[in-house]
PDB file of all heavy atoms in Angstrom:
ATOM      1  N   ARG A   1       0.814  -1.206   0.000  1.00  0.00           N
ATOM      2  CA  ARG A   1       0.000   0.000   0.000  1.00  0.00           C
ATOM      3  C   ARG A   1       0.856   1.267   0.000  1.00  0.00           C
ATOM      4  O   ARG A   1       0.857   2.073   0.933  1.00  0.00           O
ATOM      5  CB  ARG A   1      -0.924  -0.021   1.216  1.00  0.00           C
ATOM      6  CG  ARG A   1      -1.888  -1.204   1.283  1.00  0.00           C
ATOM      7  CD  ARG A   1      -3.029  -1.051   0.306  1.00  0.00           C
ATOM      8  NE  ARG A   1      -3.879   0.092   0.674  1.00  0.00           N
ATOM      9  CZ  ARG A   1      -4.890   0.514  -0.073  1.00  0.00           C
ATOM     10  NH1 ARG A   1      -5.172  -0.084  -1.238  1.00  0.00           N
ATOM     11  NH2 ARG A   1      -5.624   1.520   0.335  1.00  0.00           N
ATOM     12  N   VAL A   2       1.630   1.440  -1.072  1.00  0.00           N
ATOM     13  CA  VAL A   2       2.369   2.676  -1.316  1.00  0.00           C
ATOM     14  C   VAL A   2       1.987   3.176  -2.702  1.00  0.00           C
ATOM     15  O   VAL A   2       1.505   2.414  -3.549  1.00  0.00           O
ATOM     16  CB  VAL A   2       3.904   2.458  -1.213  1.00  0.00           C
ATOM     17  CG1 VAL A   2       4.320   2.146   0.211  1.00  0.00           C
ATOM     18  CG2 VAL A   2       4.369   1.350  -2.147  1.00  0.00           C
ATOM     19  N   ARG A   3       2.241   4.446  -2.938  1.00  0.00           N
ATOM     20  CA  ARG A   3       1.802   5.043  -4.187  1.00  0.00           C
ATOM     21  C   ARG A   3       2.695   4.691  -5.371  1.00  0.00           C
ATOM     22  O   ARG A   3       2.252   4.694  -6.504  1.00  0.00           O
ATOM     23  CB  ARG A   3       1.714   6.566  -4.027  1.00  0.00           C
ATOM     24  CG  ARG A   3       0.588   7.000  -3.086  1.00  0.00           C
ATOM     25  CD  ARG A   3       0.502   8.510  -2.965  1.00  0.00           C
ATOM     26  NE  ARG A   3      -0.663   8.902  -2.189  1.00  0.00           N
ATOM     27  CZ  ARG A   3      -0.691   8.964  -0.865  1.00  0.00           C
ATOM     28  NH1 ARG A   3       0.401   8.634  -0.170  1.00  0.00           N
ATOM     29  NH2 ARG A   3      -1.796   9.324  -0.235  1.00  0.00           N
ATOM     30  N   ASP A   4       3.963   4.394  -5.133  1.00  0.00           N
ATOM     31  CA  ASP A   4       4.880   4.071  -6.230  1.00  0.00           C
ATOM     32  C   ASP A   4       5.756   2.887  -5.833  1.00  0.00           C
ATOM     33  O   ASP A   4       6.937   3.053  -5.495  1.00  0.00           O
ATOM     34  CB  ASP A   4       5.744   5.296  -6.560  1.00  0.00           C
ATOM     35  CG  ASP A   4       6.656   5.051  -7.763  1.00  0.00           C
ATOM     36  OD1 ASP A   4       6.347   4.148  -8.572  1.00  0.00           O
ATOM     37  OD2 ASP A   4       7.665   5.764  -7.883  1.00  0.00           O
ATOM     38  N   PRO A   5       5.203   1.667  -5.855  1.00  0.00           N
ATOM     39  CA  PRO A   5       5.983   0.494  -5.432  1.00  0.00           C
ATOM     40  C   PRO A   5       7.059   0.145  -6.460  1.00  0.00           C
ATOM     41  O   PRO A   5       7.035   0.598  -7.599  1.00  0.00           O
ATOM     42  CB  PRO A   5       4.922  -0.608  -5.337  1.00  0.00           C
ATOM     43  CG  PRO A   5       3.856  -0.191  -6.302  1.00  0.00           C
ATOM     44  CD  PRO A   5       3.822   1.315  -6.257  1.00  0.00           C
ATOM     45  N   GLY A   6       7.997  -0.694  -6.019  1.00  0.00           N
ATOM     46  CA  GLY A   6       9.056  -1.170  -6.907  1.00  0.00           C
ATOM     47  C   GLY A   6      10.425  -1.063  -6.251  1.00  0.00           C
ATOM     48  O   GLY A   6      10.564  -0.769  -5.062  1.00  0.00           O
ATOM     49  N   MET A   7      11.476  -1.310  -7.038  1.00  0.00           N
ATOM     50  CA  MET A   7      12.845  -1.213  -6.539  1.00  0.00           C
ATOM     51  C   MET A   7      13.238   0.256  -6.431  1.00  0.00           C
ATOM     52  O   MET A   7      13.004   1.041  -7.351  1.00  0.00           O
ATOM     53  CB  MET A   7      13.812  -1.932  -7.481  1.00  0.00           C
ATOM     54  CG  MET A   7      15.249  -1.964  -6.972  1.00  0.00           C
ATOM     55  SD  MET A   7      16.406  -2.608  -8.185  1.00  0.00           S
ATOM     56  CE  MET A   7      16.436  -1.252  -9.369  1.00  0.00           C
ATOM     57  N   LYS A   8      13.850   0.613  -5.317  1.00  0.00           N
ATOM     58  CA  LYS A   8      14.265   1.983  -5.089  1.00  0.00           C
ATOM     59  C   LYS A   8      15.770   2.036  -4.800  1.00  0.00           C
ATOM     60  O   LYS A   8      16.312   1.183  -4.090  1.00  0.00           O
ATOM     61  CB  LYS A   8      13.506   2.604  -3.907  1.00  0.00           C
ATOM     62  CG  LYS A   8      11.985   2.600  -4.072  1.00  0.00           C
ATOM     63  CD  LYS A   8      11.554   3.403  -5.285  1.00  0.00           C
ATOM     64  CE  LYS A   8      10.046   3.305  -5.510  1.00  0.00           C
ATOM     65  NZ  LYS A   8       9.619   4.012  -6.737  1.00  0.00           N
ATOM     66  N   ILE A   9      16.421   3.023  -5.379  1.00  0.00           N
ATOM     67  CA  ILE A   9      17.848   3.262  -5.128  1.00  0.00           C
ATOM     68  C   ILE A   9      17.945   4.416  -4.145  1.00  0.00           C
ATOM     69  O   ILE A   9      17.507   5.530  -4.432  1.00  0.00           O
ATOM     70  CB  ILE A   9      18.594   3.575  -6.429  1.00  0.00           C
ATOM     71  CG1 ILE A   9      18.500   2.384  -7.388  1.00  0.00           C
ATOM     72  CG2 ILE A   9      20.057   3.908  -6.138  1.00  0.00           C
ATOM     73  CD1 ILE A   9      19.162   2.619  -8.725  1.00  0.00           C
ATOM     74  N   LEU A  10      18.528   4.135  -2.976  1.00  0.00           N
ATOM     75  CA  LEU A  10      18.594   5.108  -1.892  1.00  0.00           C
ATOM     76  C   LEU A  10      20.046   5.353  -1.500  1.00  0.00           C
ATOM     77  O   LEU A  10      20.921   4.502  -1.720  1.00  0.00           O
ATOM     78  CB  LEU A  10      17.817   4.595  -0.680  1.00  0.00           C
ATOM     79  CG  LEU A  10      16.342   4.236  -0.904  1.00  0.00           C
ATOM     80  CD1 LEU A  10      15.778   3.594   0.355  1.00  0.00           C
ATOM     81  CD2 LEU A  10      15.547   5.466  -1.292  1.00  0.00           C
ATOM     82  N   PRO A  11      20.324   6.515  -0.912  1.00  0.00           N
ATOM     83  CA  PRO A  11      21.688   6.764  -0.443  1.00  0.00           C
ATOM     84  C   PRO A  11      22.066   5.854   0.714  1.00  0.00           C
ATOM     85  O   PRO A  11      21.204   5.427   1.492  1.00  0.00           O
ATOM     86  CB  PRO A  11      21.648   8.237  -0.006  1.00  0.00           C
ATOM     87  CG  PRO A  11      20.209   8.520   0.245  1.00  0.00           C
ATOM     88  CD  PRO A  11      19.438   7.660  -0.703  1.00  0.00           C
ATOM     89  N   GLN A  12      23.341   5.536   0.822  1.00  0.00           N
ATOM     90  CA  GLN A  12      23.834   4.711   1.920  1.00  0.00           C
ATOM     91  C   GLN A  12      23.479   5.369   3.249  1.00  0.00           C
ATOM     92  O   GLN A  12      23.641   6.567   3.440  1.00  0.00           O
ATOM     93  CB  GLN A  12      25.347   4.564   1.815  1.00  0.00           C
ATOM     94  CG  GLN A  12      25.970   3.636   2.833  1.00  0.00           C
ATOM     95  CD  GLN A  12      25.649   2.183   2.576  1.00  0.00           C
ATOM     96  OE1 GLN A  12      25.062   1.509   3.421  1.00  0.00           O
ATOM     97  NE2 GLN A  12      26.031   1.689   1.411  1.00  0.00           N
ATOM     98  N   GLY A  13      22.970   4.571   4.182  1.00  0.00           N
ATOM     99  CA  GLY A  13      22.574   5.092   5.477  1.00  0.00           C
ATOM    100  C   GLY A  13      21.128   5.507   5.557  1.00  0.00           C
ATOM    101  O   GLY A  13      20.685   6.028   6.597  1.00  0.00           O
ATOM    102  N   ALA A  14      20.339   5.272   4.486  1.00  0.00           N
ATOM    103  CA  ALA A  14      18.924   5.649   4.499  1.00  0.00           C
ATOM    104  C   ALA A  14      18.146   4.747   5.444  1.00  0.00           C
ATOM    105  O   ALA A  14      18.478   3.570   5.637  1.00  0.00           O
ATOM    106  CB  ALA A  14      18.348   5.570   3.088  1.00  0.00           C
ATOM    107  N   SER A  15      17.081   5.291   6.019  1.00  0.00           N
ATOM    108  CA  SER A  15      16.242   4.541   6.944  1.00  0.00           C
ATOM    109  C   SER A  15      14.960   4.093   6.251  1.00  0.00           C
ATOM    110  O   SER A  15      14.677   4.467   5.104  1.00  0.00           O
ATOM    111  CB  SER A  15      15.908   5.400   8.166  1.00  0.00           C
ATOM    112  OG  SER A  15      15.088   6.500   7.775  1.00  0.00           O
ATOM    113  N   LEU A  16      14.160   3.296   6.958  1.00  0.00           N
ATOM    114  CA  LEU A  16      12.907   2.779   6.398  1.00  0.00           C
ATOM    115  C   LEU A  16      11.931   3.905   6.083  1.00  0.00           C
ATOM    116  O   LEU A  16      11.265   3.872   5.042  1.00  0.00           O
ATOM    117  CB  LEU A  16      12.292   1.779   7.369  1.00  0.00           C
ATOM    118  CG  LEU A  16      11.001   1.085   6.913  1.00  0.00           C
ATOM    119  CD1 LEU A  16      11.014  -0.381   7.303  1.00  0.00           C
ATOM    120  CD2 LEU A  16       9.779   1.767   7.516  1.00  0.00           C
ATOM    121  N   ASP A  17      11.834   4.912   6.937  1.00  0.00           N
ATOM    122  CA  ASP A  17      10.928   6.031   6.664  1.00  0.00           C
ATOM    123  C   ASP A  17      11.316   6.773   5.390  1.00  0.00           C
ATOM    124  O   ASP A  17      10.448   7.216   4.622  1.00  0.00           O
ATOM    125  CB  ASP A  17      10.924   6.995   7.850  1.00  0.00           C
ATOM    126  CG  ASP A  17      10.134   6.436   9.034  1.00  0.00           C
ATOM    127  OD1 ASP A  17       9.403   5.431   8.834  1.00  0.00           O
ATOM    128  OD2 ASP A  17      10.248   6.990  10.143  1.00  0.00           O
ATOM    129  N   GLN A  18      12.616   6.905   5.144  1.00  0.00           N
ATOM    130  CA  GLN A  18      13.072   7.550   3.918  1.00  0.00           C
ATOM    131  C   GLN A  18      12.707   6.718   2.693  1.00  0.00           C
ATOM    132  O   GLN A  18      12.362   7.256   1.641  1.00  0.00           O
ATOM    133  CB  GLN A  18      14.588   7.763   3.977  1.00  0.00           C
ATOM    134  CG  GLN A  18      15.022   8.816   4.982  1.00  0.00           C
ATOM    135  CD  GLN A  18      16.532   8.892   5.122  1.00  0.00           C
ATOM    136  OE1 GLN A  18      17.166   7.983   5.648  1.00  0.00           O
ATOM    137  NE2 GLN A  18      17.106   9.971   4.632  1.00  0.00           N
ATOM    138  N   ALA A  19      12.760   5.391   2.825  1.00  0.00           N
ATOM    139  CA  ALA A  19      12.386   4.519   1.717  1.00  0.00           C
ATOM    140  C   ALA A  19      10.902   4.652   1.395  1.00  0.00           C
ATOM    141  O   ALA A  19      10.505   4.700   0.218  1.00  0.00           O
ATOM    142  CB  ALA A  19      12.738   3.073   2.048  1.00  0.00           C
ATOM    143  N   LEU A  20      10.056   4.711   2.425  1.00  0.00           N
ATOM    144  CA  LEU A  20       8.615   4.879   2.192  1.00  0.00           C
ATOM    145  C   LEU A  20       8.316   6.222   1.541  1.00  0.00           C
ATOM    146  O   LEU A  20       7.440   6.322   0.669  1.00  0.00           O
ATOM    147  CB  LEU A  20       7.857   4.758   3.522  1.00  0.00           C
ATOM    148  CG  LEU A  20       7.885   3.375   4.185  1.00  0.00           C
ATOM    149  CD1 LEU A  20       7.163   3.422   5.527  1.00  0.00           C
ATOM    150  CD2 LEU A  20       7.259   2.314   3.279  1.00  0.00           C
ATOM    151  N   ALA A  21       9.060   7.253   1.937  1.00  0.00           N
ATOM    152  CA  ALA A  21       8.875   8.560   1.316  1.00  0.00           C
ATOM    153  C   ALA A  21       9.299   8.522  -0.147  1.00  0.00           C
ATOM    154  O   ALA A  21       8.657   9.141  -1.014  1.00  0.00           O
ATOM    155  CB  ALA A  21       9.672   9.612   2.076  1.00  0.00           C
ATOM    156  N   ALA A  22      10.378   7.773  -0.455  1.00  0.00           N
ATOM    157  CA  ALA A  22      10.825   7.661  -1.845  1.00  0.00           C
ATOM    158  C   ALA A  22       9.810   6.912  -2.700  1.00  0.00           C
ATOM    159  O   ALA A  22       9.776   7.081  -3.926  1.00  0.00           O
ATOM    160  CB  ALA A  22      12.177   6.954  -1.900  1.00  0.00           C
ATOM    161  N   ALA A  23       8.982   6.068  -2.073  1.00  0.00           N
ATOM    162  CA  ALA A  23       7.943   5.324  -2.788  1.00  0.00           C
ATOM    163  C   ALA A  23       6.643   6.111  -2.861  1.00  0.00           C
ATOM    164  O   ALA A  23       5.586   5.537  -3.161  1.00  0.00           O
ATOM    165  CB  ALA A  23       7.710   3.978  -2.119  1.00  0.00           C
ATOM    166  N   GLY A  24       6.682   7.398  -2.583  1.00  0.00           N
ATOM    167  CA  GLY A  24       5.495   8.231  -2.677  1.00  0.00           C
ATOM    168  C   GLY A  24       4.648   8.278  -1.434  1.00  0.00           C
ATOM    169  O   GLY A  24       3.591   8.909  -1.409  1.00  0.00           O
ATOM    170  N   GLY A  25       5.075   7.588  -0.386  1.00  0.00           N
ATOM    171  CA  GLY A  25       4.324   7.569   0.856  1.00  0.00           C
ATOM    172  C   GLY A  25       3.294   6.452   0.898  1.00  0.00           C
ATOM    173  O   GLY A  25       2.984   5.808  -0.118  1.00  0.00           O
ATOM    174  N   GLN A  26       2.763   6.197   2.066  1.00  0.00           N
ATOM    175  CA  GLN A  26       1.773   5.142   2.242  1.00  0.00           C
ATOM    176  C   GLN A  26       0.365   5.642   1.874  1.00  0.00           C
ATOM    177  O   GLN A  26       0.060   6.824   2.018  1.00  0.00           O
ATOM    178  CB  GLN A  26       1.772   4.671   3.702  1.00  0.00           C
ATOM    179  CG  GLN A  26       3.127   4.195   4.208  1.00  0.00           C
ATOM    180  CD  GLN A  26       3.096   3.792   5.661  1.00  0.00           C
ATOM    181  OE1 GLN A  26       2.513   2.764   6.013  1.00  0.00           O
ATOM    182  NE2 GLN A  26       3.702   4.588   6.525  1.00  0.00           N
ATOM    183  N   LYS A  27      -0.436   4.733   1.413  1.00  0.00           N
ATOM    184  CA  LYS A  27      -1.816   5.068   1.089  1.00  0.00           C
ATOM    185  C   LYS A  27      -2.642   5.229   2.366  1.00  0.00           C
ATOM    186  O   LYS A  27      -2.228   4.818   3.433  1.00  0.00           O
ATOM    187  CB  LYS A  27      -2.420   3.992   0.186  1.00  0.00           C
ATOM    188  CG  LYS A  27      -1.809   3.965  -1.217  1.00  0.00           C
ATOM    189  CD  LYS A  27      -2.491   2.930  -2.093  1.00  0.00           C
ATOM    190  CE  LYS A  27      -1.894   2.927  -3.502  1.00  0.00           C
ATOM    191  NZ  LYS A  27      -2.548   1.922  -4.381  1.00  0.00           N
ATOM    192  N   LEU A  28      -3.819   5.826   2.191  1.00  0.00           N
ATOM    193  CA  LEU A  28      -4.640   6.173   3.353  1.00  0.00           C
ATOM    194  C   LEU A  28      -5.065   4.929   4.139  1.00  0.00           C
ATOM    195  O   LEU A  28      -4.920   4.865   5.352  1.00  0.00           O
ATOM    196  CB  LEU A  28      -5.861   6.963   2.904  1.00  0.00           C
ATOM    197  CG  LEU A  28      -6.804   7.441   4.021  1.00  0.00           C
ATOM    198  CD1 LEU A  28      -6.044   8.353   4.983  1.00  0.00           C
ATOM    199  CD2 LEU A  28      -8.025   8.135   3.437  1.00  0.00           C
ATOM    200  N   LEU A  29      -5.621   3.945   3.440  1.00  0.00           N
ATOM    201  CA  LEU A  29      -6.049   2.710   4.095  1.00  0.00           C
ATOM    202  C   LEU A  29      -4.887   1.717   4.072  1.00  0.00           C
ATOM    203  O   LEU A  29      -4.574   1.135   3.026  1.00  0.00           O
ATOM    204  CB  LEU A  29      -7.272   2.133   3.390  1.00  0.00           C
ATOM    205  CG  LEU A  29      -8.523   3.029   3.385  1.00  0.00           C
ATOM    206  CD1 LEU A  29      -9.636   2.371   2.593  1.00  0.00           C
ATOM    207  CD2 LEU A  29      -8.985   3.320   4.810  1.00  0.00           C
TER     208      LEU A  29
END
């Protein structure tokens, strides 16, 4: 339930919250 699922390339040291933000954030439900 994210707006843009898939493989994401993140900077070294990124946290889980940053990954969810990179995926467009979580959906309402």
